[in-house]
Amino acid sequence: MHKLKYAAIQGAIIFSKNLRKNLASILTIATLLFFYLAVFSVNYSASKAIDKVSDIKTIRIFLEEGVSQKEMLKKLSNLQMPASYKSYTKSDAKQRVLRLVPGARNIQKLPDNLFPEFIEMKIADYAAVNGLVLETAYKIEKIGGVKTVEYGKRVGEKLGKIKRTSVLFMLFISVLTGLSSAIIIFNTIRLSLFRSKRKIMIYKLVGATRMFVTSPYLFSSLIEASFAYVIAIFANQLFIKGVETYLLKDSYFLLFTPPAIIYILFYLLLTFTALFSALFCVLSFLRRLRSLNEA
């Protein structure tokens, strides 16, 4: 416990002494993380929207003009499918869109008659199987008075490629962001080691262990990564708030803040990257360093 306390105090001292000289690297890491979090927030929001519209349990039946919803509900009940039904008038359809897209003022200005009447059919969980839902949708399409049928499976097939591409893109930039952060931290610690080269040589002369020299730099890299991450999160929150307030206030698309567990996971990955990079840097430096009496 005493060794851990010593390493933490020395790590804080190293960080504070080199803060002015390392400020550029901290801001660079924070900028990298901000761009990563901003892109992730957009992709997370798009993925959430795709999941919402591709719900396999829901089938929406849009009616032709003049078709009675009561008459259509009777025809649908003949399918003997375990499901619940909800009717939407033109006004209800408009209100539903407004609930899905709060603050979309351009939608509020549209007249009710531009929105279609439809019946929303929610299939019971135990019957929501791909094949059964697909078969039911095909049967509904053949019923007279049905204009079109929309269901999660069909929408999901169209949007699935976009979602898979988004996942691959996020994996790609995750690797790039991790490597870039590791290189910046490596160079920052290396410069700090060169500034303290003579002191480290004295430590080596009096028999200091590698961990005695290494642990303060590990804590210093941890503080640096944490400091940069806090700046990045704050910038990302401002970005989301600004986009929602000014760019998307009348839009159909909503930007969601990722849950706290995602931020924690990213912090743990950043911590691992920072510690590994610092450890590799210090050990490689000590391996090539001679003691003071050999210099």
Protein backbone atom coordinates (compact mmCIF):
# COMPACT_ATOMS: atom_id res chain seq x y z
CA MET A 1 0.00 0.00 0.00
CA HIS A 2 2.90 2.34 0.83
CA LYS A 3 4.53 1.62 -2.56
CA LEU A 4 1.26 2.31 -4.36
CA LYS A 5 0.84 5.62 -2.52
CA TYR A 6 4.42 6.61 -3.34
CA ALA A 7 3.92 5.77 -7.02
CA ALA A 8 0.67 7.77 -7.17
CA ILE A 9 2.25 10.84 -5.52
CA GLN A 10 5.35 10.70 -7.73
CA GLY A 11 3.15 10.18 -10.80
CA ALA A 12 1.15 13.30 -9.94
CA ILE A 13 4.40 15.24 -9.45
CA ILE A 14 5.74 14.11 -12.83
CA PHE A 15 2.44 15.05 -14.50
CA SER A 16 2.29 18.51 -12.85
CA LYS A 17 5.95 19.30 -13.63
CA ASN A 18 5.55 18.39 -17.30
CA LEU A 19 2.00 19.74 -17.71
CA ARG A 20 3.01 22.90 -19.56
CA LYS A 21 5.37 21.04 -21.90
CA ASN A 22 2.91 18.17 -22.44
CA LEU A 23 -0.18 20.34 -22.84
CA ALA A 24 -0.07 20.02 -26.63
CA SER A 25 -0.09 16.21 -26.43
CA ILE A 26 -2.97 16.23 -23.91
CA LEU A 27 -5.04 18.47 -26.19
CA THR A 28 -4.17 16.27 -29.16
CA ILE A 29 -5.38 13.15 -27.35
CA ALA A 30 -8.51 15.00 -26.18
CA THR A 31 -9.23 16.10 -29.77
CA LEU A 32 -8.79 12.56 -31.06
CA LEU A 33 -11.11 11.20 -28.38
CA PHE A 34 -13.67 13.96 -29.01
CA PHE A 35 -13.85 13.15 -32.73
CA TYR A 36 -14.14 9.47 -31.87
CA LEU A 37 -16.95 10.06 -29.34
CA ALA A 38 -18.77 12.42 -31.73
CA VAL A 39 -18.68 9.86 -34.56
CA PHE A 40 -19.71 7.13 -32.14
CA SER A 41 -22.67 9.22 -30.91
CA VAL A 42 -23.90 9.73 -34.48
CA ASN A 43 -23.49 6.03 -35.31
CA TYR A 44 -25.14 5.01 -32.04
CA SER A 45 -28.11 7.27 -32.80
CA ALA A 46 -28.43 5.91 -36.34
CA SER A 47 -28.25 2.31 -35.06
CA LYS A 48 -30.90 3.03 -32.44
CA ALA A 49 -33.16 4.53 -35.10
CA ILE A 50 -32.69 1.47 -37.34
CA ASP A 51 -33.55 -0.87 -34.45
CA LYS A 52 -36.70 1.13 -33.78
CA VAL A 53 -38.02 0.93 -37.34
CA SER A 54 -36.99 -2.71 -37.83
CA ASP A 55 -39.01 -4.15 -34.92
CA ILE A 56 -40.03 -7.59 -36.19
CA LYS A 57 -43.15 -7.76 -33.98
CA THR A 58 -44.84 -4.75 -35.60
CA ILE A 59 -46.70 -4.70 -38.93
CA ARG A 60 -48.25 -1.48 -40.21
CA ILE A 61 -51.10 -1.79 -42.69
CA PHE A 62 -51.72 1.35 -44.76
CA LEU A 63 -55.23 1.63 -46.18
CA GLU A 64 -56.50 2.88 -49.51
CA GLU A 65 -58.67 5.99 -49.53
CA GLY A 66 -62.25 5.34 -48.47
CA VAL A 67 -61.57 1.95 -46.80
CA SER A 68 -63.16 1.60 -43.36
CA GLN A 69 -60.79 0.68 -40.53
CA LYS A 70 -63.53 -1.36 -38.82
CA GLU A 71 -63.99 -3.40 -41.99
CA MET A 72 -60.24 -3.93 -42.28
CA LEU A 73 -59.97 -5.01 -38.62
CA LYS A 74 -62.58 -7.72 -39.28
CA LYS A 75 -60.55 -9.01 -42.23
CA LEU A 76 -57.38 -9.00 -40.16
CA SER A 77 -59.04 -10.91 -37.32
CA ASN A 78 -59.82 -13.69 -39.82
CA LEU A 79 -56.08 -14.39 -40.02
CA GLN A 80 -56.35 -15.76 -36.45
CA MET A 81 -52.94 -14.35 -35.59
CA PRO A 82 -52.15 -13.70 -31.88
CA ALA A 83 -51.80 -9.93 -32.10
CA SER A 84 -53.16 -6.63 -30.84
CA TYR A 85 -54.39 -3.88 -33.15
CA LYS A 86 -54.32 -0.09 -32.93
CA SER A 87 -56.05 2.19 -35.43
CA TYR A 88 -54.51 5.48 -36.52
CA THR A 89 -56.48 8.25 -38.20
CA LYS A 90 -54.69 10.93 -40.23
CA SER A 91 -54.53 13.13 -37.14
CA ASP A 92 -53.27 10.24 -34.98
CA ALA A 93 -50.59 9.45 -37.57
CA LYS A 94 -49.35 13.04 -37.42
CA GLN A 95 -49.26 13.00 -33.59
CA ARG A 96 -47.38 9.69 -33.66
CA VAL A 97 -44.68 11.20 -35.88
CA LEU A 98 -44.43 14.21 -33.56
CA ARG A 99 -43.94 11.88 -30.57
CA LEU A 100 -41.16 10.05 -32.40
CA VAL A 101 -39.54 13.32 -33.48
CA PRO A 102 -40.13 15.86 -30.68
CA GLY A 103 -39.49 19.45 -31.62
CA ALA A 104 -39.89 18.92 -35.38
CA ARG A 105 -41.74 22.17 -36.07
CA ASN A 106 -41.86 21.60 -39.82
CA ILE A 107 -44.06 18.53 -39.22
CA GLN A 108 -46.44 20.52 -37.03
CA LYS A 109 -47.10 22.89 -39.92
CA LEU A 110 -48.23 20.09 -42.25
CA PRO A 111 -52.00 19.51 -42.63
CA ASP A 112 -53.45 16.27 -41.24
CA ASN A 113 -54.69 15.04 -44.62
CA LEU A 114 -51.09 14.52 -45.81
CA PHE A 115 -50.64 11.70 -43.29
CA PRO A 116 -51.89 8.19 -44.11
CA GLU A 117 -54.42 6.18 -42.14
CA PHE A 118 -53.06 2.85 -40.99
CA ILE A 119 -53.51 0.00 -38.55
CA GLU A 120 -50.62 -1.07 -36.35
CA MET A 121 -50.53 -4.79 -35.67
CA LYS A 122 -48.31 -6.01 -32.81
CA ILE A 123 -47.69 -9.73 -32.81
CA ALA A 124 -47.34 -11.58 -29.49
CA ASP A 125 -43.75 -12.33 -28.44
CA TYR A 126 -44.10 -16.11 -28.69
CA ALA A 127 -45.37 -15.83 -32.30
CA ALA A 128 -42.85 -13.21 -33.48
CA VAL A 129 -40.81 -15.59 -35.65
CA ASN A 130 -39.27 -14.37 -38.91
CA GLY A 131 -40.99 -16.92 -41.13
CA LEU A 132 -44.41 -16.50 -39.49
CA VAL A 133 -44.28 -12.68 -39.59
CA LEU A 134 -43.23 -12.77 -43.25
CA GLU A 135 -46.06 -15.17 -44.15
CA THR A 136 -48.59 -12.98 -42.31
CA ALA A 137 -47.36 -9.84 -44.09
CA TYR A 138 -47.77 -11.54 -47.48
CA LYS A 139 -51.33 -12.57 -46.61
CA ILE A 140 -52.21 -9.02 -45.50
CA GLU A 141 -50.85 -7.57 -48.76
CA LYS A 142 -53.42 -9.65 -50.70
CA ILE A 143 -56.39 -8.31 -48.70
CA GLY A 144 -58.53 -5.89 -50.66
CA GLY A 145 -58.26 -2.28 -49.54
CA VAL A 146 -54.64 -2.62 -48.36
CA LYS A 147 -52.42 -0.04 -50.04
CA THR A 148 -49.10 -1.22 -48.66
CA VAL A 149 -47.65 -3.17 -45.74
CA GLU A 150 -44.62 -2.13 -43.72
CA TYR A 151 -42.93 -4.48 -41.30
CA GLY A 152 -39.67 -4.67 -39.44
CA LYS A 153 -38.22 -7.55 -41.40
CA ARG A 154 -38.49 -5.71 -44.71
CA VAL A 155 -37.14 -2.45 -43.31
CA GLY A 156 -34.38 -4.31 -41.45
CA GLU A 157 -33.21 -5.98 -44.67
CA LYS A 158 -32.91 -2.61 -46.38
CA LEU A 159 -31.10 -0.94 -43.49
CA GLY A 160 -29.03 -3.93 -42.34
CA LYS A 161 -26.17 -3.20 -44.76
CA ILE A 162 -25.97 0.38 -43.50
CA LYS A 163 -25.78 -0.83 -39.91
CA ARG A 164 -23.08 -3.43 -40.70
CA THR A 165 -21.05 -0.84 -42.59
CA SER A 166 -21.38 1.51 -39.61
CA VAL A 167 -20.07 -1.18 -37.23
CA LEU A 168 -17.06 -1.91 -39.47
CA PHE A 169 -16.33 1.81 -39.75
CA MET A 170 -16.42 2.22 -35.95
CA LEU A 171 -14.06 -0.75 -35.49
CA PHE A 172 -11.66 0.79 -38.01
CA ILE A 173 -11.55 4.23 -36.36
CA SER A 174 -11.39 2.58 -32.90
CA VAL A 175 -8.14 0.88 -33.89
CA LEU A 176 -6.77 4.10 -35.41
CA THR A 177 -7.74 6.17 -32.35
CA GLY A 178 -6.21 3.62 -29.98
CA LEU A 179 -2.94 3.45 -31.93
CA SER A 180 -2.72 7.24 -32.23
CA SER A 181 -3.33 7.72 -28.50
CA ALA A 182 -0.74 5.05 -27.64
CA ILE A 183 1.90 6.70 -29.85
CA ILE A 184 1.26 10.17 -28.38
CA ILE A 185 1.46 8.85 -24.80
CA PHE A 186 4.61 6.87 -25.70
CA ASN A 187 6.33 10.00 -27.03
CA THR A 188 5.17 12.09 -24.05
CA ILE A 189 6.57 9.61 -21.51
CA ARG A 190 9.77 9.25 -23.55
CA LEU A 191 10.40 13.01 -23.45
CA SER A 192 9.75 13.00 -19.71
CA LEU A 193 12.23 10.16 -19.24
CA PHE A 194 14.95 12.02 -21.15
CA ARG A 195 14.39 15.08 -18.96
CA SER A 196 14.90 12.89 -15.86
CA LYS A 197 17.66 10.76 -17.35
CA ARG A 198 20.33 11.68 -14.79
CA LYS A 199 17.99 11.10 -11.85
CA ILE A 200 17.06 7.68 -13.21
CA MET A 201 20.72 6.80 -13.65
CA ILE A 202 21.29 7.61 -9.97
CA TYR A 203 18.31 5.41 -9.02
CA LYS A 204 19.84 2.61 -11.07
CA LEU A 205 23.23 3.13 -9.39
CA VAL A 206 21.79 2.73 -5.87
CA GLY A 207 19.93 -0.43 -6.88
CA ALA A 208 16.38 0.81 -7.50
CA THR A 209 14.14 -1.82 -9.06
CA ARG A 210 12.57 -1.33 -12.47
CA MET A 211 9.11 -1.16 -10.94
CA PHE A 212 10.28 1.62 -8.56
CA VAL A 213 11.24 3.71 -11.60
CA THR A 214 8.37 2.58 -13.81
CA SER A 215 5.30 2.90 -11.55
CA PRO A 216 5.32 6.76 -11.24
CA TYR A 217 5.33 7.06 -15.03
CA LEU A 218 2.45 4.62 -15.26
CA PHE A 219 0.42 6.79 -12.89
CA SER A 220 1.48 9.90 -14.82
CA SER A 221 0.21 8.40 -18.10
CA LEU A 222 -3.02 7.39 -16.35
CA ILE A 223 -3.58 10.96 -15.13
CA GLU A 224 -2.80 12.34 -18.60
CA ALA A 225 -5.24 9.94 -20.31
CA SER A 226 -7.95 10.66 -17.71
CA PHE A 227 -7.51 14.40 -18.07
CA ALA A 228 -7.78 14.18 -21.86
CA TYR A 229 -10.82 11.90 -21.61
CA VAL A 230 -12.67 14.33 -19.32
CA ILE A 231 -12.04 17.15 -21.83
CA ALA A 232 -13.27 14.92 -24.68
CA ILE A 233 -16.48 13.95 -22.85
CA PHE A 234 -17.23 17.58 -22.02
CA ALA A 235 -16.65 18.59 -25.66
CA ASN A 236 -18.86 15.73 -26.87
CA GLN A 237 -21.70 16.79 -24.58
CA LEU A 238 -21.45 20.33 -25.94
CA PHE A 239 -21.43 18.92 -29.48
CA ILE A 240 -24.58 16.84 -28.91
CA LYS A 241 -26.37 19.72 -27.19
CA GLY A 242 -25.40 22.15 -29.93
CA VAL A 243 -26.47 19.82 -32.75
CA GLU A 244 -29.81 19.07 -31.07
CA THR A 245 -30.48 22.76 -30.37
CA TYR A 246 -29.43 24.35 -33.65
CA LEU A 247 -28.98 21.78 -36.45
CA LEU A 248 -31.58 19.12 -35.67
CA LYS A 249 -34.31 21.16 -33.97
CA ASP A 250 -36.62 20.71 -37.00
CA SER A 251 -35.16 17.41 -38.16
CA TYR A 252 -36.52 13.88 -38.31
CA PHE A 253 -33.24 12.56 -36.91
CA LEU A 254 -32.48 12.57 -33.17
CA LEU A 255 -29.02 12.48 -31.64
CA PHE A 256 -28.76 10.27 -28.55
CA THR A 257 -26.11 10.40 -25.83
CA PRO A 258 -24.53 6.95 -25.38
CA PRO A 259 -25.27 5.34 -21.98
CA ALA A 260 -22.81 5.74 -19.09
CA ILE A 261 -21.65 2.10 -19.40
CA ILE A 262 -20.32 2.89 -22.90
CA TYR A 263 -18.30 5.83 -21.56
CA ILE A 264 -16.92 3.63 -18.77
CA LEU A 265 -15.94 0.93 -21.27
CA PHE A 266 -14.13 3.47 -23.46
CA TYR A 267 -12.31 4.83 -20.40
CA LEU A 268 -11.15 1.34 -19.40
CA LEU A 269 -9.87 0.71 -22.94
CA LEU A 270 -8.07 4.07 -22.91
CA THR A 271 -6.58 3.28 -19.50
CA PHE A 272 -5.28 -0.08 -20.74
CA THR A 273 -3.81 1.57 -23.85
CA ALA A 274 -2.12 4.33 -21.81
CA LEU A 275 -0.64 1.95 -19.23
CA PHE A 276 0.60 -0.52 -21.84
CA SER A 277 2.18 2.25 -23.91
CA ALA A 278 3.85 3.82 -20.85
CA LEU A 279 5.11 0.46 -19.58
CA PHE A 280 6.60 -0.42 -22.96
CA CYS A 281 8.23 3.02 -23.19
CA VAL A 282 9.82 2.95 -19.73
CA LEU A 283 11.07 -0.64 -19.97
CA SER A 284 12.61 -0.06 -23.40
CA PHE A 285 14.25 3.12 -22.08
CA LEU A 286 15.70 1.36 -19.02
CA ARG A 287 16.96 -1.51 -21.13
CA ARG A 288 19.19 0.85 -23.10
CA LEU A 289 20.12 3.12 -20.16
CA ARG A 290 23.50 2.79 -18.52
CA SER A 291 24.05 3.52 -14.84
CA LEU A 292 25.80 6.74 -13.77
CA ASN A 293 29.20 5.12 -13.17
CA GLU A 294 29.11 3.61 -16.68
CA ALA A 295 28.32 6.92 -18.39
